Amino acid sequence: MTVLCQIFKSSRREEMYLYVEKSRGVQDVPGDLLGRFGELIPVMVLPLTPERTLARADVIQVLAAIEKQGFYLQMPPTAAEMLARENGRV
């Protein structure tokens, strides 16, 4: 399965991203989430397949969420995750 995915970043929260199927756009994203997300800033469009590697998300979970609910929300890393990344443990 290949999904052409549009990724947006939030104008309100650093490192928060929204993944949607490009052809459907944000029509399946709840209005309250869009309101909290702020301005949708386009980052990239890329084909997602189960074999693809993403930097901070499991592509299988992303694809499953897009298929089930129409979007995947990637939250900012926690303080512990950021510390681990800085120390080279991630």
PDB file of N, CA and C in Angstrom:
ATOM      1  N   MET A   1       0.849  -1.185   0.000  1.00  0.00           N
ATOM      2  CA  MET A   1       0.000   0.000   0.000  1.00  0.00           C
ATOM      3  C   MET A   1       0.889   1.241   0.000  1.00  0.00           C
ATOM      4  N   THR A   2       0.600   2.167  -0.896  1.00  0.00           N
ATOM      5  CA  THR A   2       1.304   3.449  -0.949  1.00  0.00           C
ATOM      6  C   THR A   2       0.288   4.562  -0.767  1.00  0.00           C
ATOM      7  N   VAL A   3       0.608   5.502   0.115  1.00  0.00           N
ATOM      8  CA  VAL A   3      -0.233   6.668   0.352  1.00  0.00           C
ATOM      9  C   VAL A   3       0.600   7.903   0.050  1.00  0.00           C
ATOM     10  N   LEU A   4       0.095   8.780  -0.816  1.00  0.00           N
ATOM     11  CA  LEU A   4       0.761  10.049  -1.052  1.00  0.00           C
ATOM     12  C   LEU A   4       0.362  10.960   0.100  1.00  0.00           C
ATOM     13  N   CYS A   5       1.313  11.282   0.928  1.00  0.00           N
ATOM     14  CA  CYS A   5       1.048  11.958   2.199  1.00  0.00           C
ATOM     15  C   CYS A   5       1.503  13.419   2.158  1.00  0.00           C
ATOM     16  N   GLN A   6       0.639  14.295   2.646  1.00  0.00           N
ATOM     17  CA  GLN A   6       0.963  15.719   2.825  1.00  0.00           C
ATOM     18  C   GLN A   6       1.242  15.909   4.311  1.00  0.00           C
ATOM     19  N   ILE A   7       2.357  16.543   4.633  1.00  0.00           N
ATOM     20  CA  ILE A   7       2.716  16.787   6.032  1.00  0.00           C
ATOM     21  C   ILE A   7       2.709  18.289   6.277  1.00  0.00           C
ATOM     22  N   PHE A   8       2.033  18.660   7.372  1.00  0.00           N
ATOM     23  CA  PHE A   8       1.967  20.060   7.798  1.00  0.00           C
ATOM     24  C   PHE A   8       2.588  20.188   9.176  1.00  0.00           C
ATOM     25  N   LYS A   9       3.210  21.339   9.449  1.00  0.00           N
ATOM     26  CA  LYS A   9       3.659  21.603  10.804  1.00  0.00           C
ATOM     27  C   LYS A   9       2.748  22.657  11.418  1.00  0.00           C
ATOM     28  N   SER A  10       2.697  22.647  12.728  1.00  0.00           N
ATOM     29  CA  SER A  10       1.842  23.566  13.474  1.00  0.00           C
ATOM     30  C   SER A  10       2.511  24.932  13.613  1.00  0.00           C
ATOM     31  N   SER A  11       1.715  25.972  13.514  1.00  0.00           N
ATOM     32  CA  SER A  11       2.237  27.316  13.762  1.00  0.00           C
ATOM     33  C   SER A  11       2.255  27.627  15.260  1.00  0.00           C
ATOM     34  N   ARG A  12       1.605  26.775  16.062  1.00  0.00           N
ATOM     35  CA  ARG A  12       1.489  27.034  17.505  1.00  0.00           C
ATOM     36  C   ARG A  12       2.425  26.211  18.370  1.00  0.00           C
ATOM     37  N   ARG A  13       2.757  24.988  17.924  1.00  0.00           N
ATOM     38  CA  ARG A  13       3.606  24.114  18.743  1.00  0.00           C
ATOM     39  C   ARG A  13       4.757  23.596  17.900  1.00  0.00           C
ATOM     40  N   GLU A  14       5.953  23.873  18.364  1.00  0.00           N
ATOM     41  CA  GLU A  14       7.145  23.413  17.674  1.00  0.00           C
ATOM     42  C   GLU A  14       7.187  21.882  17.672  1.00  0.00           C
ATOM     43  N   GLU A  15       7.580  21.317  16.561  1.00  0.00           N
ATOM     44  CA  GLU A  15       7.734  19.877  16.359  1.00  0.00           C
ATOM     45  C   GLU A  15       6.420  19.088  16.461  1.00  0.00           C
ATOM     46  N   MET A  16       5.299  19.739  16.167  1.00  0.00           N
ATOM     47  CA  MET A  16       4.019  19.036  16.067  1.00  0.00           C
ATOM     48  C   MET A  16       3.638  19.020  14.583  1.00  0.00           C
ATOM     49  N   TYR A  17       3.348  17.813  14.071  1.00  0.00           N
ATOM     50  CA  TYR A  17       3.083  17.636  12.650  1.00  0.00           C
ATOM     51  C   TYR A  17       1.790  16.863  12.422  1.00  0.00           C
ATOM     52  N   LEU A  18       1.134  17.170  11.320  1.00  0.00           N
ATOM     53  CA  LEU A  18      -0.097  16.516  10.919  1.00  0.00           C
ATOM     54  C   LEU A  18       0.134  15.861   9.566  1.00  0.00           C
ATOM     55  N   TYR A  19      -0.120  14.548   9.483  1.00  0.00           N
ATOM     56  CA  TYR A  19       0.040  13.778   8.254  1.00  0.00           C
ATOM     57  C   TYR A  19      -1.360  13.464   7.722  1.00  0.00           C
ATOM     58  N   VAL A  20      -1.601  13.756   6.452  1.00  0.00           N
ATOM     59  CA  VAL A  20      -2.887  13.441   5.822  1.00  0.00           C
ATOM     60  C   VAL A  20      -2.643  12.896   4.423  1.00  0.00           C
ATOM     61  N   GLU A  21      -3.630  12.161   3.909  1.00  0.00           N
ATOM     62  CA  GLU A  21      -3.551  11.726   2.523  1.00  0.00           C
ATOM     63  C   GLU A  21      -3.754  12.959   1.646  1.00  0.00           C
ATOM     64  N   LYS A  22      -2.828  13.204   0.748  1.00  0.00           N
ATOM     65  CA  LYS A  22      -2.853  14.445  -0.044  1.00  0.00           C
ATOM     66  C   LYS A  22      -4.171  14.651  -0.773  1.00  0.00           C
ATOM     67  N   SER A  23      -4.733  13.603  -1.361  1.00  0.00           N
ATOM     68  CA  SER A  23      -5.957  13.753  -2.147  1.00  0.00           C
ATOM     69  C   SER A  23      -7.163  14.141  -1.276  1.00  0.00           C
ATOM     70  N   ARG A  24      -7.157  13.786   0.003  1.00  0.00           N
ATOM     71  CA  ARG A  24      -8.273  14.106   0.900  1.00  0.00           C
ATOM     72  C   ARG A  24      -8.031  15.392   1.693  1.00  0.00           C
ATOM     73  N   GLY A  25      -6.790  15.778   1.819  1.00  0.00           N
ATOM     74  CA  GLY A  25      -6.487  16.978   2.582  1.00  0.00           C
ATOM     75  C   GLY A  25      -6.874  16.826   4.041  1.00  0.00           C
ATOM     76  N   VAL A  26      -7.332  17.914   4.631  1.00  0.00           N
ATOM     77  CA  VAL A  26      -7.654  17.910   6.067  1.00  0.00           C
ATOM     78  C   VAL A  26      -9.147  17.726   6.328  1.00  0.00           C
ATOM     79  N   GLN A  27      -9.908  17.265   5.338  1.00  0.00           N
ATOM     80  CA  GLN A  27     -11.359  17.143   5.508  1.00  0.00           C
ATOM     81  C   GLN A  27     -11.757  16.182   6.624  1.00  0.00           C
ATOM     82  N   ASP A  28     -10.901  15.217   6.980  1.00  0.00           N
ATOM     83  CA  ASP A  28     -11.227  14.262   8.035  1.00  0.00           C
ATOM     84  C   ASP A  28     -10.703  14.674   9.403  1.00  0.00           C
ATOM     85  N   VAL A  29      -9.971  15.766   9.474  1.00  0.00           N
ATOM     86  CA  VAL A  29      -9.389  16.219  10.741  1.00  0.00           C
ATOM     87  C   VAL A  29     -10.455  17.001  11.510  1.00  0.00           C
ATOM     88  N   PRO A  30     -10.701  16.631  12.774  1.00  0.00           N
ATOM     89  CA  PRO A  30     -11.714  17.349  13.566  1.00  0.00           C
ATOM     90  C   PRO A  30     -11.397  18.844  13.677  1.00  0.00           C
ATOM     91  N   GLY A  31     -12.435  19.649  13.641  1.00  0.00           N
ATOM     92  CA  GLY A  31     -12.285  21.100  13.696  1.00  0.00           C
ATOM     93  C   GLY A  31     -11.584  21.591  14.942  1.00  0.00           C
ATOM     94  N   ASP A  32     -11.862  20.950  16.102  1.00  0.00           N
ATOM     95  CA  ASP A  32     -11.207  21.409  17.336  1.00  0.00           C
ATOM     96  C   ASP A  32      -9.701  21.145  17.286  1.00  0.00           C
ATOM     97  N   LEU A  33      -9.283  20.048  16.653  1.00  0.00           N
ATOM     98  CA  LEU A  33      -7.853  19.781  16.498  1.00  0.00           C
ATOM     99  C   LEU A  33      -7.220  20.811  15.576  1.00  0.00           C
ATOM    100  N   LEU A  34      -7.892  21.101  14.473  1.00  0.00           N
ATOM    101  CA  LEU A  34      -7.361  22.116  13.560  1.00  0.00           C
ATOM    102  C   LEU A  34      -7.241  23.466  14.260  1.00  0.00           C
ATOM    103  N   GLY A  35      -8.210  23.795  15.117  1.00  0.00           N
ATOM    104  CA  GLY A  35      -8.160  25.053  15.849  1.00  0.00           C
ATOM    105  C   GLY A  35      -6.965  25.119  16.784  1.00  0.00           C
ATOM    106  N   ARG A  36      -6.675  24.020  17.472  1.00  0.00           N
ATOM    107  CA  ARG A  36      -5.532  23.978  18.394  1.00  0.00           C
ATOM    108  C   ARG A  36      -4.207  23.889  17.645  1.00  0.00           C
ATOM    109  N   PHE A  37      -4.240  23.329  16.450  1.00  0.00           N
ATOM    110  CA  PHE A  37      -3.035  23.163  15.647  1.00  0.00           C
ATOM    111  C   PHE A  37      -2.522  24.505  15.139  1.00  0.00           C
ATOM    112  N   GLY A  38      -3.433  25.424  14.892  1.00  0.00           N
ATOM    113  CA  GLY A  38      -3.043  26.722  14.349  1.00  0.00           C
ATOM    114  C   GLY A  38      -2.953  26.674  12.847  1.00  0.00           C
ATOM    115  N   GLU A  39      -2.157  27.563  12.279  1.00  0.00           N
ATOM    116  CA  GLU A  39      -1.992  27.604  10.825  1.00  0.00           C
ATOM    117  C   GLU A  39      -1.306  26.330  10.351  1.00  0.00           C
ATOM    118  N   LEU A  40      -1.819  25.770   9.268  1.00  0.00           N
ATOM    119  CA  LEU A  40      -1.216  24.580   8.659  1.00  0.00           C
ATOM    120  C   LEU A  40      -0.089  25.037   7.741  1.00  0.00           C
ATOM    121  N   ILE A  41       1.131  24.767   8.125  1.00  0.00           N
ATOM    122  CA  ILE A  41       2.287  25.164   7.325  1.00  0.00           C
ATOM    123  C   ILE A  41       2.780  23.936   6.566  1.00  0.00           C
ATOM    124  N   PRO A  42       2.632  23.919   5.234  1.00  0.00           N
ATOM    125  CA  PRO A  42       3.062  22.749   4.455  1.00  0.00           C
ATOM    126  C   PRO A  42       4.567  22.511   4.604  1.00  0.00           C
ATOM    127  N   VAL A  43       4.927  21.263   4.848  1.00  0.00           N
ATOM    128  CA  VAL A  43       6.334  20.903   5.005  1.00  0.00           C
ATOM    129  C   VAL A  43       6.806  20.098   3.802  1.00  0.00           C
ATOM    130  N   MET A  44       6.058  19.017   3.469  1.00  0.00           N
ATOM    131  CA  MET A  44       6.460  18.177   2.342  1.00  0.00           C
ATOM    132  C   MET A  44       5.329  17.251   1.929  1.00  0.00           C
ATOM    133  N   VAL A  45       5.505  16.695   0.761  1.00  0.00           N
ATOM    134  CA  VAL A  45       4.629  15.644   0.241  1.00  0.00           C
ATOM    135  C   VAL A  45       5.547  14.468  -0.073  1.00  0.00           C
ATOM    136  N   LEU A  46       5.173  13.271   0.421  1.00  0.00           N
ATOM    137  CA  LEU A  46       5.989  12.110   0.137  1.00  0.00           C
ATOM    138  C   LEU A  46       5.146  10.852   0.099  1.00  0.00           C
ATOM    139  N   PRO A  47       5.563   9.887  -0.707  1.00  0.00           N
ATOM    140  CA  PRO A  47       4.851   8.610  -0.736  1.00  0.00           C
ATOM    141  C   PRO A  47       5.232   7.795   0.503  1.00  0.00           C
ATOM    142  N   LEU A  48       4.227   7.295   1.211  1.00  0.00           N
ATOM    143  CA  LEU A  48       4.470   6.443   2.373  1.00  0.00           C
ATOM    144  C   LEU A  48       4.153   5.005   2.009  1.00  0.00           C
ATOM    145  N   THR A  49       5.081   4.124   2.305  1.00  0.00           N
ATOM    146  CA  THR A  49       4.899   2.687   2.141  1.00  0.00           C
ATOM    147  C   THR A  49       5.335   2.029   3.450  1.00  0.00           C
ATOM    148  N   PRO A  50       4.913   0.804   3.700  1.00  0.00           N
ATOM    149  CA  PRO A  50       5.335   0.129   4.930  1.00  0.00           C
ATOM    150  C   PRO A  50       6.854  -0.015   5.059  1.00  0.00           C
ATOM    151  N   GLU A  51       7.572   0.035   3.953  1.00  0.00           N
ATOM    152  CA  GLU A  51       9.028  -0.118   3.984  1.00  0.00           C
ATOM    153  C   GLU A  51       9.770   1.182   4.288  1.00  0.00           C
ATOM    154  N   ARG A  52       9.097   2.296   4.197  1.00  0.00           N
ATOM    155  CA  ARG A  52       9.732   3.601   4.385  1.00  0.00           C
ATOM    156  C   ARG A  52      10.104   3.817   5.850  1.00  0.00           C
ATOM    157  N   THR A  53      11.175   4.545   6.077  1.00  0.00           N
ATOM    158  CA  THR A  53      11.589   4.915   7.429  1.00  0.00           C
ATOM    159  C   THR A  53      11.305   6.393   7.633  1.00  0.00           C
ATOM    160  N   LEU A  54      10.703   6.713   8.773  1.00  0.00           N
ATOM    161  CA  LEU A  54      10.464   8.108   9.147  1.00  0.00           C
ATOM    162  C   LEU A  54      11.330   8.436  10.360  1.00  0.00           C
ATOM    163  N   ALA A  55      11.687   9.709  10.515  1.00  0.00           N
ATOM    164  CA  ALA A  55      12.604  10.115  11.580  1.00  0.00           C
ATOM    165  C   ALA A  55      12.050   9.869  12.978  1.00  0.00           C
ATOM    166  N   ARG A  56      10.796  10.254  13.238  1.00  0.00           N
ATOM    167  CA  ARG A  56      10.279  10.165  14.596  1.00  0.00           C
ATOM    168  C   ARG A  56       8.943   9.453  14.696  1.00  0.00           C
ATOM    169  N   ALA A  57       8.528   8.791  13.669  1.00  0.00           N
ATOM    170  CA  ALA A  57       7.238   8.099  13.708  1.00  0.00           C
ATOM    171  C   ALA A  57       7.378   6.729  13.056  1.00  0.00           C
ATOM    172  N   ASP A  58       6.571   5.801  13.520  1.00  0.00           N
ATOM    173  CA  ASP A  58       6.524   4.461  12.939  1.00  0.00           C
ATOM    174  C   ASP A  58       5.588   4.519  11.736  1.00  0.00           C
ATOM    175  N   VAL A  59       6.126   4.249  10.554  1.00  0.00           N
ATOM    176  CA  VAL A  59       5.351   4.395   9.322  1.00  0.00           C
ATOM    177  C   VAL A  59       4.110   3.497   9.324  1.00  0.00           C
ATOM    178  N   ILE A  60       4.176   2.326   9.949  1.00  0.00           N
ATOM    179  CA  ILE A  60       3.017   1.429  10.020  1.00  0.00           C
ATOM    180  C   ILE A  60       1.896   2.090  10.825  1.00  0.00           C
ATOM    181  N   GLN A  61       2.246   2.730  11.934  1.00  0.00           N
ATOM    182  CA  GLN A  61       1.247   3.439  12.743  1.00  0.00           C
ATOM    183  C   GLN A  61       0.680   4.637  11.995  1.00  0.00           C
ATOM    184  N   VAL A  62       1.529   5.341  11.259  1.00  0.00           N
ATOM    185  CA  VAL A  62       1.071   6.495  10.478  1.00  0.00           C
ATOM    186  C   VAL A  62       0.070   6.048   9.426  1.00  0.00           C
ATOM    187  N   LEU A  63       0.428   5.015   8.670  1.00  0.00           N
ATOM    188  CA  LEU A  63      -0.466   4.510   7.625  1.00  0.00           C
ATOM    189  C   LEU A  63      -1.783   4.005   8.213  1.00  0.00           C
ATOM    190  N   ALA A  64      -1.717   3.296   9.336  1.00  0.00           N
ATOM    191  CA  ALA A  64      -2.933   2.775   9.969  1.00  0.00           C
ATOM    192  C   ALA A  64      -3.841   3.914  10.433  1.00  0.00           C
ATOM    193  N   ALA A  65      -3.267   4.954  11.023  1.00  0.00           N
ATOM    194  CA  ALA A  65      -4.061   6.089  11.495  1.00  0.00           C
ATOM    195  C   ALA A  65      -4.699   6.839  10.327  1.00  0.00           C
ATOM    196  N   ILE A  66      -3.950   7.025   9.241  1.00  0.00           N
ATOM    197  CA  ILE A  66      -4.508   7.714   8.070  1.00  0.00           C
ATOM    198  C   ILE A  66      -5.655   6.896   7.486  1.00  0.00           C
ATOM    199  N   GLU A  67      -5.493   5.583   7.423  1.00  0.00           N
ATOM    200  CA  GLU A  67      -6.559   4.733   6.881  1.00  0.00           C
ATOM    201  C   GLU A  67      -7.790   4.737   7.789  1.00  0.00           C
ATOM    202  N   LYS A  68      -7.581   4.687   9.096  1.00  0.00           N
ATOM    203  CA  LYS A  68      -8.693   4.570  10.046  1.00  0.00           C
ATOM    204  C   LYS A  68      -9.402   5.896  10.294  1.00  0.00           C
ATOM    205  N   GLN A  69      -8.626   6.963  10.543  1.00  0.00           N
ATOM    206  CA  GLN A  69      -9.247   8.230  10.939  1.00  0.00           C
ATOM    207  C   GLN A  69      -9.001   9.385   9.978  1.00  0.00           C
ATOM    208  N   GLY A  70      -8.159   9.166   8.968  1.00  0.00           N
ATOM    209  CA  GLY A  70      -7.922  10.202   7.969  1.00  0.00           C
ATOM    210  C   GLY A  70      -6.749  11.108   8.255  1.00  0.00           C
ATOM    211  N   PHE A  71      -6.045  10.890   9.373  1.00  0.00           N
ATOM    212  CA  PHE A  71      -4.886  11.717   9.707  1.00  0.00           C
ATOM    213  C   PHE A  71      -4.039  11.030  10.766  1.00  0.00           C
ATOM    214  N   TYR A  72      -2.802  11.504  10.911  1.00  0.00           N
ATOM    215  CA  TYR A  72      -1.913  11.073  11.985  1.00  0.00           C
ATOM    216  C   TYR A  72      -1.330  12.332  12.585  1.00  0.00           C
ATOM    217  N   LEU A  73      -1.383  12.450  13.902  1.00  0.00           N
ATOM    218  CA  LEU A  73      -0.844  13.616  14.602  1.00  0.00           C
ATOM    219  C   LEU A  73       0.441  13.207  15.301  1.00  0.00           C
ATOM    220  N   GLN A  74       1.536  13.851  14.929  1.00  0.00           N
ATOM    221  CA  GLN A  74       2.825  13.606  15.581  1.00  0.00           C
ATOM    222  C   GLN A  74       3.049  14.711  16.596  1.00  0.00           C
ATOM    223  N   MET A  75       3.071  14.324  17.855  1.00  0.00           N
ATOM    224  CA  MET A  75       3.248  15.286  18.942  1.00  0.00           C
ATOM    225  C   MET A  75       4.727  15.618  19.129  1.00  0.00           C
ATOM    226  N   PRO A  76       5.025  16.765  19.747  1.00  0.00           N
ATOM    227  CA  PRO A  76       6.423  17.110  20.033  1.00  0.00           C
ATOM    228  C   PRO A  76       7.035  16.083  20.986  1.00  0.00           C
ATOM    229  N   PRO A  77       8.349  15.922  20.938  1.00  0.00           N
ATOM    230  CA  PRO A  77       8.990  14.975  21.840  1.00  0.00           C
ATOM    231  C   PRO A  77       8.886  15.443  23.292  1.00  0.00           C
ATOM    232  N   THR A  78       8.879  14.481  24.205  1.00  0.00           N
ATOM    233  CA  THR A  78       8.881  14.810  25.625  1.00  0.00           C
ATOM    234  C   THR A  78      10.283  15.283  26.021  1.00  0.00           C
ATOM    235  N   ALA A  79      10.402  15.838  27.216  1.00  0.00           N
ATOM    236  CA  ALA A  79      11.708  16.291  27.709  1.00  0.00           C
ATOM    237  C   ALA A  79      12.684  15.118  27.763  1.00  0.00           C
ATOM    238  N   ALA A  80      12.221  13.946  28.187  1.00  0.00           N
ATOM    239  CA  ALA A  80      13.090  12.762  28.264  1.00  0.00           C
ATOM    240  C   ALA A  80      13.562  12.340  26.875  1.00  0.00           C
ATOM    241  N   GLU A  81      12.670  12.392  25.891  1.00  0.00           N
ATOM    242  CA  GLU A  81      13.053  12.039  24.522  1.00  0.00           C
ATOM    243  C   GLU A  81      14.065  13.030  23.957  1.00  0.00           C
ATOM    244  N   MET A  82      13.886  14.312  24.258  1.00  0.00           N
ATOM    245  CA  MET A  82      14.816  15.334  23.780  1.00  0.00           C
ATOM    246  C   MET A  82      16.193  15.133  24.418  1.00  0.00           C
ATOM    247  N   LEU A  83      16.237  14.825  25.708  1.00  0.00           N
ATOM    248  CA  LEU A  83      17.498  14.589  26.398  1.00  0.00           C
ATOM    249  C   LEU A  83      18.208  13.371  25.823  1.00  0.00           C
ATOM    250  N   ALA A  84      17.446  12.298  25.575  1.00  0.00           N
ATOM    251  CA  ALA A  84      18.028  11.100  24.986  1.00  0.00           C
ATOM    252  C   ALA A  84      18.592  11.396  23.603  1.00  0.00           C
ATOM    253  N   ARG A  85      17.881  12.200  22.828  1.00  0.00           N
ATOM    254  CA  ARG A  85      18.348  12.562  21.480  1.00  0.00           C
ATOM    255  C   ARG A  85      19.651  13.358  21.569  1.00  0.00           C
ATOM    256  N   GLU A  86      19.709  14.302  22.509  1.00  0.00           N
ATOM    257  CA  GLU A  86      20.931  15.112  22.678  1.00  0.00           C
ATOM    258  C   GLU A  86      22.112  14.266  23.118  1.00  0.00           C
ATOM    259  N   ASN A  87      21.838  13.223  23.901  1.00  0.00           N
ATOM    260  CA  ASN A  87      22.905  12.344  24.381  1.00  0.00           C
ATOM    261  C   ASN A  87      23.214  11.218  23.415  1.00  0.00           C
ATOM    262  N   GLY A  88      22.568  11.227  22.232  1.00  0.00           N
ATOM    263  CA  GLY A  88      22.850  10.247  21.216  1.00  0.00           C
ATOM    264  C   GLY A  88      22.293   8.869  21.480  1.00  0.00           C
ATOM    265  N   ARG A  89      21.271   8.784  22.325  1.00  0.00           N
ATOM    266  CA  ARG A  89      20.683   7.482  22.647  1.00  0.00           C
ATOM    267  C   ARG A  89      19.455   7.163  21.812  1.00  0.00           C
ATOM    268  N   VAL A  90      19.100   8.018  20.886  1.00  0.00           N
ATOM    269  CA  VAL A  90      17.938   7.752  20.026  1.00  0.00           C
ATOM    270  C   VAL A  90      18.368   7.827  18.585  1.00  0.00           C
TER     271      VAL A  90
END
